[in-house]
Amino acid sequence: MTHGWDDMTGRLLLRTAVILHRTLASRAAVERIQARRNAALRAAHRHGVPVPELAAGLGLTEGWVRRVLNERRPPPEVEEAA
């Protein structure tokens, strides 16, 4: 039963990450929102959402998502393209 709730929670957290990802504004806001998005992305992964699904949901590469999950900052050109 718990696994079902974790799965649903993870998918909800993925949706939160997608919304945050798509609502970027000023540079200061970008940094704050990206930090929240990355935290939501890590939380979704902890709740069982696989890396390929996270990447597809955000429209990013799996390598980029893995860097976020490992708490390393992606290269600047990837951030700008995202």
N, C-alpha and C. Protein backbone atom coordinates (compact mmCIF):
# COMPACT_ATOMS: atom_id res chain seq x y z
N MET A 1 0.82 -1.19 0.00
CA MET A 1 0.00 0.00 0.00
C MET A 1 0.86 1.26 0.00
N THR A 2 1.92 1.25 0.79
CA THR A 2 2.81 2.42 0.86
C THR A 2 3.44 2.70 -0.49
N HIS A 3 3.80 1.65 -1.23
CA HIS A 3 4.44 1.85 -2.53
C HIS A 3 3.54 2.64 -3.46
N GLY A 4 2.23 2.39 -3.44
CA GLY A 4 1.29 3.12 -4.28
C GLY A 4 1.26 4.60 -3.94
N TRP A 5 1.28 4.92 -2.65
CA TRP A 5 1.30 6.32 -2.23
C TRP A 5 2.61 6.99 -2.61
N ASP A 6 3.73 6.27 -2.47
CA ASP A 6 5.03 6.82 -2.87
C ASP A 6 5.04 7.13 -4.36
N ASP A 7 4.49 6.21 -5.14
CA ASP A 7 4.45 6.39 -6.58
C ASP A 7 3.61 7.62 -6.94
N MET A 8 2.44 7.75 -6.33
CA MET A 8 1.57 8.89 -6.60
C MET A 8 2.22 10.19 -6.13
N THR A 9 2.84 10.16 -4.97
CA THR A 9 3.53 11.34 -4.44
C THR A 9 4.68 11.73 -5.36
N GLY A 10 5.43 10.75 -5.82
CA GLY A 10 6.54 11.02 -6.73
C GLY A 10 6.08 11.68 -8.01
N ARG A 11 4.98 11.21 -8.56
CA ARG A 11 4.46 11.79 -9.80
C ARG A 11 3.93 13.21 -9.58
N LEU A 12 3.32 13.44 -8.43
CA LEU A 12 2.87 14.78 -8.09
C LEU A 12 4.07 15.73 -7.95
N LEU A 13 5.14 15.24 -7.33
CA LEU A 13 6.36 16.04 -7.20
C LEU A 13 6.99 16.32 -8.57
N LEU A 14 6.90 15.35 -9.48
CA LEU A 14 7.38 15.56 -10.84
C LEU A 14 6.58 16.67 -11.50
N ARG A 15 5.27 16.66 -11.38
CA ARG A 15 4.42 17.72 -11.94
C ARG A 15 4.82 19.08 -11.36
N THR A 16 5.10 19.12 -10.05
CA THR A 16 5.53 20.36 -9.41
C THR A 16 6.83 20.84 -10.03
N ALA A 17 7.77 19.93 -10.26
CA ALA A 17 9.04 20.29 -10.88
C ALA A 17 8.82 20.84 -12.29
N VAL A 18 7.90 20.24 -13.03
CA VAL A 18 7.61 20.70 -14.39
C VAL A 18 7.03 22.11 -14.37
N ILE A 19 6.08 22.36 -13.48
CA ILE A 19 5.47 23.69 -13.39
C ILE A 19 6.53 24.73 -13.04
N LEU A 20 7.37 24.42 -12.06
CA LEU A 20 8.43 25.35 -11.68
C LEU A 20 9.41 25.58 -12.83
N HIS A 21 9.70 24.52 -13.55
CA HIS A 21 10.63 24.60 -14.66
C HIS A 21 10.12 25.54 -15.76
N ARG A 22 8.83 25.53 -15.96
CA ARG A 22 8.23 26.30 -17.06
C ARG A 22 7.83 27.71 -16.70
N THR A 23 8.00 28.11 -15.45
CA THR A 23 7.56 29.45 -15.03
C THR A 23 8.74 30.30 -14.58
N LEU A 24 9.79 30.32 -15.37
CA LEU A 24 10.98 31.08 -15.03
C LEU A 24 10.82 32.54 -15.43
N ALA A 25 11.37 33.44 -14.63
CA ALA A 25 11.23 34.87 -14.89
C ALA A 25 12.59 35.56 -14.89
N SER A 26 12.88 36.42 -13.91
CA SER A 26 14.14 37.15 -13.84
C SER A 26 15.29 36.22 -13.43
N ARG A 27 16.51 36.71 -13.54
CA ARG A 27 17.67 35.88 -13.18
C ARG A 27 17.62 35.45 -11.72
N ALA A 28 17.28 36.36 -10.81
CA ALA A 28 17.18 36.00 -9.39
C ALA A 28 16.06 34.98 -9.18
N ALA A 29 14.94 35.21 -9.86
CA ALA A 29 13.82 34.27 -9.76
C ALA A 29 14.19 32.93 -10.37
N VAL A 30 14.94 32.97 -11.46
CA VAL A 30 15.37 31.74 -12.12
C VAL A 30 16.16 30.88 -11.14
N GLU A 31 17.09 31.48 -10.44
CA GLU A 31 17.92 30.71 -9.50
C GLU A 31 17.07 30.14 -8.36
N ARG A 32 16.15 30.94 -7.82
CA ARG A 32 15.29 30.45 -6.73
C ARG A 32 14.37 29.34 -7.22
N ILE A 33 13.75 29.56 -8.37
CA ILE A 33 12.81 28.57 -8.90
C ILE A 33 13.54 27.29 -9.30
N GLN A 34 14.71 27.43 -9.92
CA GLN A 34 15.47 26.23 -10.30
C GLN A 34 15.89 25.44 -9.07
N ALA A 35 16.23 26.12 -7.99
CA ALA A 35 16.58 25.42 -6.75
C ALA A 35 15.38 24.64 -6.23
N ARG A 36 14.20 25.27 -6.28
CA ARG A 36 12.97 24.56 -5.86
C ARG A 36 12.65 23.42 -6.80
N ARG A 37 12.79 23.67 -8.11
CA ARG A 37 12.53 22.63 -9.10
C ARG A 37 13.46 21.44 -8.88
N ASN A 38 14.74 21.73 -8.65
CA ASN A 38 15.70 20.65 -8.43
C ASN A 38 15.39 19.88 -7.16
N ALA A 39 14.95 20.58 -6.13
CA ALA A 39 14.56 19.90 -4.89
C ALA A 39 13.34 19.01 -5.14
N ALA A 40 12.37 19.50 -5.92
CA ALA A 40 11.19 18.69 -6.25
C ALA A 40 11.58 17.50 -7.11
N LEU A 41 12.53 17.71 -8.00
CA LEU A 41 13.02 16.62 -8.85
C LEU A 41 13.68 15.53 -8.01
N ARG A 42 14.53 15.94 -7.06
CA ARG A 42 15.17 14.96 -6.17
C ARG A 42 14.14 14.22 -5.33
N ALA A 43 13.13 14.96 -4.84
CA ALA A 43 12.08 14.33 -4.03
C ALA A 43 11.28 13.34 -4.86
N ALA A 44 10.94 13.69 -6.09
CA ALA A 44 10.21 12.77 -6.96
C ALA A 44 11.02 11.50 -7.18
N HIS A 45 12.32 11.65 -7.38
CA HIS A 45 13.17 10.48 -7.59
C HIS A 45 13.23 9.61 -6.32
N ARG A 46 13.31 10.26 -5.16
CA ARG A 46 13.30 9.50 -3.90
C ARG A 46 12.00 8.72 -3.72
N HIS A 47 10.92 9.22 -4.31
CA HIS A 47 9.62 8.56 -4.19
C HIS A 47 9.37 7.58 -5.33
N GLY A 48 10.40 7.25 -6.07
CA GLY A 48 10.31 6.15 -7.02
C GLY A 48 10.10 6.50 -8.48
N VAL A 49 10.13 7.77 -8.86
CA VAL A 49 9.99 8.11 -10.28
C VAL A 49 11.35 7.91 -10.94
N PRO A 50 11.44 7.08 -11.99
CA PRO A 50 12.73 6.80 -12.62
C PRO A 50 13.29 7.99 -13.40
N VAL A 51 14.60 7.99 -13.57
CA VAL A 51 15.30 9.08 -14.27
C VAL A 51 14.74 9.32 -15.67
N PRO A 52 14.49 8.28 -16.50
CA PRO A 52 13.97 8.56 -17.84
C PRO A 52 12.63 9.31 -17.81
N GLU A 53 11.78 8.98 -16.86
CA GLU A 53 10.49 9.68 -16.76
C GLU A 53 10.67 11.11 -16.28
N LEU A 54 11.60 11.32 -15.36
CA LEU A 54 11.88 12.68 -14.90
C LEU A 54 12.39 13.53 -16.06
N ALA A 55 13.32 12.97 -16.83
CA ALA A 55 13.89 13.69 -17.96
C ALA A 55 12.82 14.00 -19.01
N ALA A 56 11.98 13.03 -19.32
CA ALA A 56 10.92 13.23 -20.31
C ALA A 56 9.93 14.28 -19.83
N GLY A 57 9.59 14.26 -18.56
CA GLY A 57 8.64 15.22 -18.02
C GLY A 57 9.13 16.64 -18.09
N LEU A 58 10.43 16.83 -17.92
CA LEU A 58 11.01 18.18 -17.96
C LEU A 58 11.55 18.55 -19.34
N GLY A 59 11.62 17.57 -20.23
CA GLY A 59 12.17 17.85 -21.56
C GLY A 59 13.67 18.06 -21.54
N LEU A 60 14.34 17.40 -20.60
CA LEU A 60 15.79 17.53 -20.46
C LEU A 60 16.44 16.17 -20.68
N THR A 61 17.76 16.16 -20.77
CA THR A 61 18.46 14.89 -20.97
C THR A 61 18.57 14.13 -19.64
N GLU A 62 18.70 12.82 -19.75
CA GLU A 62 18.87 12.00 -18.56
C GLU A 62 20.16 12.35 -17.83
N GLY A 63 21.20 12.69 -18.59
CA GLY A 63 22.47 13.09 -17.97
C GLY A 63 22.32 14.33 -17.10
N TRP A 64 21.54 15.29 -17.59
CA TRP A 64 21.31 16.51 -16.82
C TRP A 64 20.56 16.18 -15.54
N VAL A 65 19.52 15.36 -15.66
CA VAL A 65 18.73 14.98 -14.49
C VAL A 65 19.61 14.25 -13.48
N ARG A 66 20.48 13.37 -13.96
CA ARG A 66 21.38 12.64 -13.04
C ARG A 66 22.31 13.61 -12.32
N ARG A 67 22.77 14.65 -13.01
CA ARG A 67 23.63 15.65 -12.35
C ARG A 67 22.87 16.36 -11.24
N VAL A 68 21.62 16.72 -11.51
CA VAL A 68 20.80 17.37 -10.48
C VAL A 68 20.60 16.42 -9.31
N LEU A 69 20.31 15.16 -9.60
CA LEU A 69 20.09 14.18 -8.53
C LEU A 69 21.34 13.98 -7.69
N ASN A 70 22.50 14.13 -8.31
CA ASN A 70 23.77 14.01 -7.59
C ASN A 70 24.22 15.34 -7.00
N GLU A 71 23.38 16.36 -7.14
CA GLU A 71 23.60 17.70 -6.59
C GLU A 71 24.80 18.41 -7.20
N ARG A 72 25.11 18.09 -8.44
CA ARG A 72 26.14 18.83 -9.17
C ARG A 72 25.45 19.80 -10.10
N ARG A 73 26.00 20.96 -10.25
CA ARG A 73 25.40 21.99 -11.11
C ARG A 73 25.70 21.66 -12.58
N PRO A 74 24.65 21.63 -13.43
CA PRO A 74 24.87 21.37 -14.86
C PRO A 74 25.66 22.52 -15.51
N PRO A 75 26.29 22.28 -16.64
CA PRO A 75 27.02 23.33 -17.34
C PRO A 75 26.08 24.49 -17.66
N PRO A 76 26.58 25.74 -17.68
CA PRO A 76 25.73 26.91 -17.94
C PRO A 76 24.94 26.83 -19.24
N GLU A 77 25.53 26.29 -20.31
CA GLU A 77 24.81 26.24 -21.58
C GLU A 77 23.59 25.32 -21.51
N VAL A 78 23.62 24.31 -20.66
CA VAL A 78 22.46 23.43 -20.50
C VAL A 78 21.37 24.16 -19.75
N GLU A 79 21.72 24.91 -18.72
CA GLU A 79 20.75 25.68 -17.96
C GLU A 79 20.05 26.69 -18.85
N GLU A 80 20.83 27.36 -19.72
CA GLU A 80 20.25 28.37 -20.61
C GLU A 80 19.32 27.75 -21.63
N ALA A 81 19.68 26.56 -22.13
CA ALA A 81 18.85 25.89 -23.11
C ALA A 81 17.57 25.35 -22.48
N ALA A 82 17.64 25.04 -21.20
CA ALA A 82 16.46 24.48 -20.52
C ALA A 82 15.45 25.57 -20.35
